[in-house]
């Protein structure tokens, strides 16, 4: 659903939108994220003109090669969120543990992947920032290791032909587009994911290492066995971009467990949880295979998970297939 003409005329910013619905504290957090996203988008836009391509020669806590823009985005988000009196700490993909700010009375912890898909920058493919906001309840780690159902807000920024922030504060999904004055202004609200879509998105190069139920599921989509819909393949290899298309067009994105990553590859807290919240708020669904993803408990801040996310029809079909296979094994 597009934003009303009245809202479009008033150019409602993301900070104003959140303040009106959830108060000044959360609006301040979104203001910091928006400020960081503006600068990240600007840096990406000038990637070919400045020395920001490539790796920095070090690896992060995940054992992954850090890109120059990873470091830039992480440092920027950390600094700007640390300036908010409402943020007690952050948890980032790039840091081994939480970064605490010592803000007395700060009520939120922000969890994020500063620049998902950053290795695609060199070939000019869309990338994004994924974020989740949780309420601080005592210890920072205990606050973030709660189920995804406890998230206060979640969303992502997609840096593409236009820069877009898609977010939810638990009452539907809205999108904000970066305008010429560098404000994220409301361009869509009440967004709904189609109940069934024409596309699946997966890294099929890994198919031989998936559990058999996932391979059969994918083939059933290609054969048109799910509601008579013959599916086409769309895979960008940048999670935010693949999910954004799924949100708008419907279908399913899946990253199954593999022989090398039996517990999955994507990070639960700052990739899967936020996108799952957005999906559910838009009428979609997300599972780790058999279970609702938002109810899965993380054991550590960098815990990983399989991910199947998208339209209700496709996700439920996969969940039932995985459940049936598990029952047969028992």
Protein backbone atom coordinates (compact mmCIF):
# COMPACT_ATOMS: atom_id res chain seq x y z
CA UNK A 1 0.00 0.00 0.00
CA UNK A 2 1.40 3.38 -0.94
CA UNK A 3 1.42 6.25 1.52
CA UNK A 4 -1.58 8.54 1.36
CA UNK A 5 -1.36 11.68 -0.75
CA UNK A 6 -1.67 13.75 2.43
CA UNK A 7 1.33 12.02 3.99
CA UNK A 8 3.30 12.30 0.76
CA UNK A 9 2.55 16.06 0.62
CA UNK A 10 3.72 16.55 4.21
CA UNK A 11 6.93 14.61 3.57
CA UNK A 12 6.88 12.66 6.81
CA UNK A 13 10.40 11.68 7.84
CA UNK A 14 11.22 8.39 9.52
CA UNK A 15 11.98 10.23 12.75
CA UNK A 16 8.57 11.96 12.70
CA UNK A 17 6.82 8.71 11.83
CA UNK A 18 8.37 6.81 14.74
CA UNK A 19 7.95 9.68 17.21
CA UNK A 20 4.21 9.85 16.49
CA UNK A 21 3.76 6.11 17.06
CA UNK A 22 6.40 5.05 19.56
CA UNK A 23 7.78 8.13 21.27
CA UNK A 24 10.83 10.35 21.14
CA UNK A 25 13.28 7.77 22.50
CA UNK A 26 12.86 5.25 19.69
CA UNK A 27 12.63 8.11 17.18
CA UNK A 28 16.08 9.26 18.32
CA UNK A 29 17.45 5.76 17.68
CA UNK A 30 15.99 5.77 14.17
CA UNK A 31 17.44 9.23 13.66
CA UNK A 32 20.92 7.88 14.36
CA UNK A 33 20.41 4.93 12.01
CA UNK A 34 19.10 7.25 9.29
CA UNK A 35 22.06 9.61 9.74
CA UNK A 36 24.47 6.70 9.36
CA UNK A 37 22.60 5.34 6.34
CA UNK A 38 22.86 8.72 4.59
CA UNK A 39 26.62 8.74 4.96
CA UNK A 40 26.98 5.09 3.98
CA UNK A 41 24.92 5.69 0.85
CA UNK A 42 27.07 8.69 -0.01
CA UNK A 43 30.28 6.69 0.46
CA UNK A 44 28.97 3.83 -1.70
CA UNK A 45 27.94 6.26 -4.42
CA UNK A 46 31.52 7.53 -4.57
CA UNK A 47 33.09 4.08 -4.35
CA UNK A 48 34.66 4.30 -7.80
CA UNK A 49 36.03 7.77 -7.08
CA UNK A 50 37.53 7.09 -3.66
CA UNK A 51 39.73 4.30 -2.30
CA UNK A 52 36.93 2.27 -0.68
CA UNK A 53 36.92 -0.84 -2.85
CA UNK A 54 38.38 -4.11 -1.62
CA UNK A 55 39.46 -5.67 1.65
CA UNK A 56 41.39 -4.08 4.49
CA UNK A 57 43.58 -7.14 4.98
CA UNK A 58 42.00 -8.35 8.22
CA UNK A 59 39.18 -10.68 9.20
CA UNK A 60 36.25 -10.06 11.52
CA UNK A 61 35.01 -12.19 14.39
CA UNK A 62 33.19 -14.38 11.85
CA UNK A 63 36.50 -15.27 10.18
CA UNK A 64 35.41 -13.32 7.10
CA UNK A 65 37.55 -10.90 5.12
CA UNK A 66 36.67 -7.35 6.16
CA UNK A 67 35.92 -4.94 3.36
CA UNK A 68 36.88 -1.29 3.68
CA UNK A 69 33.22 -0.30 3.64
CA UNK A 70 32.44 -2.84 6.39
CA UNK A 71 34.81 -1.00 8.69
CA UNK A 72 33.52 2.42 7.63
CA UNK A 73 29.87 1.48 8.15
CA UNK A 74 30.54 -0.26 11.47
CA UNK A 75 32.53 2.63 12.90
CA UNK A 76 29.94 5.14 11.74
CA UNK A 77 26.94 3.30 13.17
CA UNK A 78 28.77 2.70 16.44
CA UNK A 79 29.69 6.36 16.80
CA UNK A 80 26.29 7.81 15.89
CA UNK A 81 24.31 5.33 18.00
CA UNK A 82 26.72 5.95 20.86
CA UNK A 83 25.79 9.63 20.75
CA UNK A 84 22.14 8.81 21.48
CA UNK A 85 21.16 9.02 25.14
CA UNK A 86 18.67 6.21 24.46
CA UNK A 87 21.18 3.56 23.33
CA UNK A 88 22.89 1.55 26.07
CA UNK A 89 24.98 -0.62 23.75
CA UNK A 90 25.33 -2.07 20.27
CA UNK A 91 26.02 -5.56 18.98
CA UNK A 92 27.57 -5.75 15.52
CA UNK A 93 28.59 -8.49 13.14
CA UNK A 94 32.04 -6.92 13.06
CA UNK A 95 32.70 -6.93 16.82
CA UNK A 96 33.42 -9.90 19.05
CA UNK A 97 31.24 -8.64 21.89
CA UNK A 98 28.83 -5.81 22.71
CA UNK A 99 30.06 -2.22 22.73
CA UNK A 100 28.64 -0.50 25.82
CA UNK A 101 28.21 3.25 26.05
CA UNK A 102 27.49 3.73 29.76
CA UNK A 103 24.42 5.84 29.13
CA UNK A 104 22.49 6.07 32.40
CA UNK A 105 18.87 5.17 31.84
CA UNK A 106 19.33 4.25 28.18
CA UNK A 107 16.52 1.87 27.30
CA UNK A 108 17.60 0.28 24.01
CA UNK A 109 20.26 -2.00 22.54
CA UNK A 110 20.75 -1.90 18.76
CA UNK A 111 21.92 -5.01 16.92
CA UNK A 112 23.11 -4.69 13.32
CA UNK A 113 24.95 -5.98 10.30
CA UNK A 114 26.54 -2.71 9.18
CA UNK A 115 26.94 -3.57 5.51
CA UNK A 116 25.46 -6.89 4.41
CA UNK A 117 26.75 -8.08 1.02
CA UNK A 118 29.73 -5.70 1.09
CA UNK A 119 31.83 -8.00 -1.11
CA UNK A 120 29.42 -7.10 -3.93
CA UNK A 121 30.43 -3.43 -3.82
CA UNK A 122 33.32 -4.06 -6.18
CA UNK A 123 30.88 -5.16 -8.90
CA UNK A 124 28.30 -2.44 -8.20
CA UNK A 125 25.60 -4.71 -6.76
CA UNK A 126 23.06 -3.49 -4.20
CA UNK A 127 24.00 -3.90 -0.53
CA UNK A 128 22.33 -2.98 2.72
CA UNK A 129 22.32 -2.41 6.47
CA UNK A 130 20.17 -4.68 8.65
CA UNK A 131 19.18 -3.62 12.17
CA UNK A 132 17.16 -4.68 15.18
CA UNK A 133 16.22 -2.73 18.31
CA UNK A 134 15.59 -4.52 21.60
CA UNK A 135 14.74 -3.17 25.03
CA UNK A 136 17.55 -3.23 27.55
CA UNK A 137 16.64 -5.37 30.51
CA UNK A 138 19.64 -5.55 32.82
CA UNK A 139 22.62 -7.25 31.19
CA UNK A 140 23.20 -6.35 27.53
CA UNK A 141 23.86 -9.90 26.34
CA UNK A 142 20.80 -11.22 28.17
CA UNK A 143 18.75 -8.47 26.53
CA UNK A 144 19.70 -9.50 23.00
CA UNK A 145 19.55 -13.26 23.52
CA UNK A 146 15.79 -13.19 23.92
CA UNK A 147 13.57 -14.61 21.15
CA UNK A 148 13.00 -12.45 18.09
CA UNK A 149 9.42 -11.88 19.23
CA UNK A 150 10.89 -9.48 21.81
CA UNK A 151 12.22 -7.04 19.20
CA UNK A 152 10.92 -3.49 19.59
CA UNK A 153 11.71 -2.56 15.99
CA UNK A 154 13.57 -3.92 13.00
CA UNK A 155 14.38 -3.08 9.44
CA UNK A 156 16.97 -2.58 6.76
CA UNK A 157 18.41 0.07 4.50
CA UNK A 158 18.91 -0.89 0.85
CA UNK A 159 21.48 1.08 -1.12
CA UNK A 160 20.49 0.76 -4.76
CA UNK A 161 19.18 2.99 -7.57
CA UNK A 162 17.51 4.77 -4.65
CA UNK A 163 18.29 4.42 -0.95
CA UNK A 164 15.34 2.95 0.94
CA UNK A 165 14.74 2.21 4.61
CA UNK A 166 12.10 -0.47 5.25
CA UNK A 167 11.10 -0.80 8.89
CA UNK A 168 8.56 -1.95 11.43
CA UNK A 169 7.87 -0.92 14.99
CA UNK A 170 5.46 -3.82 15.43
CA UNK A 171 2.46 -2.27 13.73
CA UNK A 172 2.94 -2.90 10.03
CA UNK A 173 5.74 -2.19 7.57
CA UNK A 174 6.63 1.18 6.10
CA UNK A 175 9.24 2.34 3.60
CA UNK A 176 11.14 5.60 3.48
CA UNK A 177 13.15 6.87 0.51
CA UNK A 178 16.16 9.16 0.72
CA UNK A 179 15.22 12.41 -1.01
CA UNK A 180 17.37 15.13 -2.57
CA UNK A 181 17.60 16.89 0.80
CA UNK A 182 18.92 13.69 2.37
CA UNK A 183 15.82 12.95 4.42
CA UNK A 184 14.27 9.49 4.61
CA UNK A 185 10.67 10.38 3.78
CA UNK A 186 7.63 8.11 3.88
CA UNK A 187 6.84 6.58 0.48
CA UNK A 188 4.88 3.45 1.47
CA UNK A 189 3.07 2.15 4.52
CA UNK A 190 0.94 -0.88 5.31
CA UNK A 191 3.17 -2.90 2.96
CA UNK A 192 1.95 -6.45 2.31
CA UNK A 193 3.87 -9.36 0.90
CA UNK A 194 1.87 -11.37 -1.69
CA UNK A 195 0.54 -14.67 -0.28
CA UNK A 196 2.30 -16.51 -3.10
CA UNK A 197 4.88 -15.30 -5.55
CA UNK A 198 6.49 -16.29 -8.83
CA UNK A 199 10.13 -16.46 -7.70
CA UNK A 200 12.45 -18.49 -5.53
CA UNK A 201 15.85 -17.23 -4.47
CA UNK A 202 18.66 -19.56 -3.41
CA UNK A 203 22.33 -20.25 -4.04
CA UNK A 204 21.77 -23.35 -6.15
CA UNK A 205 25.52 -23.96 -6.37
CA UNK A 206 25.15 -25.41 -2.85
CA UNK A 207 22.19 -27.63 -3.72
CA UNK A 208 24.11 -30.91 -3.61
CA UNK A 209 25.09 -30.25 0.00
CA UNK A 210 21.53 -29.43 1.16
CA UNK A 211 19.37 -31.96 2.99
CA UNK A 212 17.25 -33.87 0.48
CA UNK A 213 13.98 -32.28 1.58
CA UNK A 214 15.22 -28.85 0.47
CA UNK A 215 16.34 -30.14 -2.91
CA UNK A 216 12.97 -31.81 -3.50
CA UNK A 217 11.13 -28.69 -2.37
CA UNK A 218 13.02 -26.53 -4.86
CA UNK A 219 12.32 -28.95 -7.69
CA UNK A 220 8.63 -28.98 -6.78
CA UNK A 221 8.57 -25.20 -7.28
CA UNK A 222 10.24 -25.50 -10.67
CA UNK A 223 7.78 -28.23 -11.70
CA UNK A 224 4.80 -26.05 -10.77
CA UNK A 225 3.52 -28.40 -8.05
CA UNK A 226 2.72 -25.65 -5.53
CA UNK A 227 -0.67 -24.29 -6.50
CA UNK A 228 0.06 -24.66 -10.20
CA UNK A 229 2.60 -21.83 -10.07
CA UNK A 230 5.79 -22.38 -12.11
CA UNK A 231 8.58 -20.50 -10.37
CA UNK A 232 11.46 -18.58 -11.85
CA UNK A 233 14.87 -18.24 -10.22
CA UNK A 234 16.08 -14.86 -8.98
CA UNK A 235 19.27 -14.77 -6.91
CA UNK A 236 21.41 -11.68 -6.41
CA UNK A 237 23.64 -12.96 -3.62
CA UNK A 238 23.02 -9.87 -1.50
CA UNK A 239 20.60 -10.78 1.31
CA UNK A 240 18.94 -7.37 1.64
CA UNK A 241 18.37 -7.09 -2.10
CA UNK A 242 17.03 -10.65 -2.37
CA UNK A 243 14.70 -10.12 0.57
CA UNK A 244 13.49 -6.73 -0.69
CA UNK A 245 12.43 -8.27 -3.99
CA UNK A 246 10.69 -11.08 -2.11
CA UNK A 247 8.85 -8.57 0.07
CA UNK A 248 7.57 -6.67 -2.97
CA UNK A 249 6.99 -9.51 -5.46
CA UNK A 250 6.38 -12.53 -3.23
CA UNK A 251 7.97 -15.95 -3.34
CA UNK A 252 10.66 -17.40 -1.13
CA UNK A 253 14.29 -16.88 -0.19
CA UNK A 254 16.04 -19.88 1.29
CA UNK A 255 19.48 -20.52 2.73
CA UNK A 256 19.34 -24.13 3.93
CA UNK A 257 21.83 -25.90 6.16
CA UNK A 258 24.74 -27.42 4.26
CA UNK A 259 27.38 -30.06 4.94
CA UNK A 260 29.86 -27.29 5.77
CA UNK A 261 27.37 -25.25 7.81
CA UNK A 262 25.01 -27.72 9.46
CA UNK A 263 23.59 -24.99 11.72
CA UNK A 264 23.17 -22.58 8.82
CA UNK A 265 25.24 -19.64 7.66
CA UNK A 266 23.17 -16.51 8.30
CA UNK A 267 23.34 -14.81 11.68
CA UNK A 268 20.26 -15.13 13.84
CA UNK A 269 20.29 -11.86 15.80
CA UNK A 270 21.20 -9.29 13.18
CA UNK A 271 20.19 -10.87 9.88
CA UNK A 272 17.43 -13.43 10.39
CA UNK A 273 15.50 -11.92 13.33
CA UNK A 274 15.11 -8.42 11.81
CA UNK A 275 14.05 -9.68 8.39
CA UNK A 276 11.70 -12.22 9.96
CA UNK A 277 9.98 -9.46 11.93
CA UNK A 278 9.56 -7.38 8.77
CA UNK A 279 8.25 -10.42 6.87
CA UNK A 280 5.67 -11.31 9.51
CA UNK A 281 4.51 -7.72 9.88
CA UNK A 282 3.95 -7.67 6.10
CA UNK A 283 1.93 -10.89 6.17
CA UNK A 284 4.79 -13.22 5.28
CA UNK A 285 6.58 -15.87 7.31
CA UNK A 286 10.04 -17.08 8.28
CA UNK A 287 11.25 -20.42 9.63
CA UNK A 288 14.57 -22.11 10.36
CA UNK A 289 13.21 -25.15 8.57
CA UNK A 290 10.71 -26.61 11.00
CA UNK A 291 10.18 -23.82 13.56
CA UNK A 292 8.95 -20.23 13.46
CA UNK A 293 12.19 -18.30 13.32
CA UNK A 294 11.22 -15.54 15.76
CA UNK A 295 10.72 -18.20 18.46
CA UNK A 296 14.16 -19.77 17.98
CA UNK A 297 16.50 -18.93 20.88
CA UNK A 298 20.01 -17.74 20.18
CA UNK A 299 22.78 -19.28 22.26
CA UNK A 300 25.31 -16.56 21.49
CA UNK A 301 25.37 -13.14 19.87
CA UNK A 302 26.89 -14.52 16.66
CA UNK A 303 24.72 -17.66 16.48
CA UNK A 304 23.84 -18.86 13.00
CA UNK A 305 20.68 -20.31 11.51
CA UNK A 306 19.18 -21.74 8.33
CA UNK A 307 16.64 -19.31 6.88
CA UNK A 308 13.50 -19.76 4.78
CA UNK A 309 11.61 -16.49 4.42
CA UNK A 310 8.93 -15.11 2.15
CA UNK A 311 5.27 -15.57 1.30
CA UNK A 312 3.02 -17.65 3.52
CA UNK A 313 2.29 -20.29 0.87
CA UNK A 314 5.90 -21.11 0.07
CA UNK A 315 7.24 -20.97 3.62
CA UNK A 316 4.46 -23.13 5.03
CA UNK A 317 4.94 -25.72 2.27
CA UNK A 318 8.62 -26.01 3.15
CA UNK A 319 7.95 -26.15 6.89
CA UNK A 320 5.47 -29.01 6.45
CA UNK A 321 7.92 -30.91 4.23
CA UNK A 322 10.73 -30.57 6.78
CA UNK A 323 8.42 -31.55 9.63
CA UNK A 324 7.20 -34.61 7.75
CA UNK A 325 10.75 -35.71 7.01
CA UNK A 326 11.70 -35.32 10.68
CA UNK A 327 8.72 -37.43 11.75
CA UNK A 328 9.64 -40.15 9.28
CA UNK A 329 13.19 -40.30 10.64
CA UNK A 330 11.85 -40.70 14.18
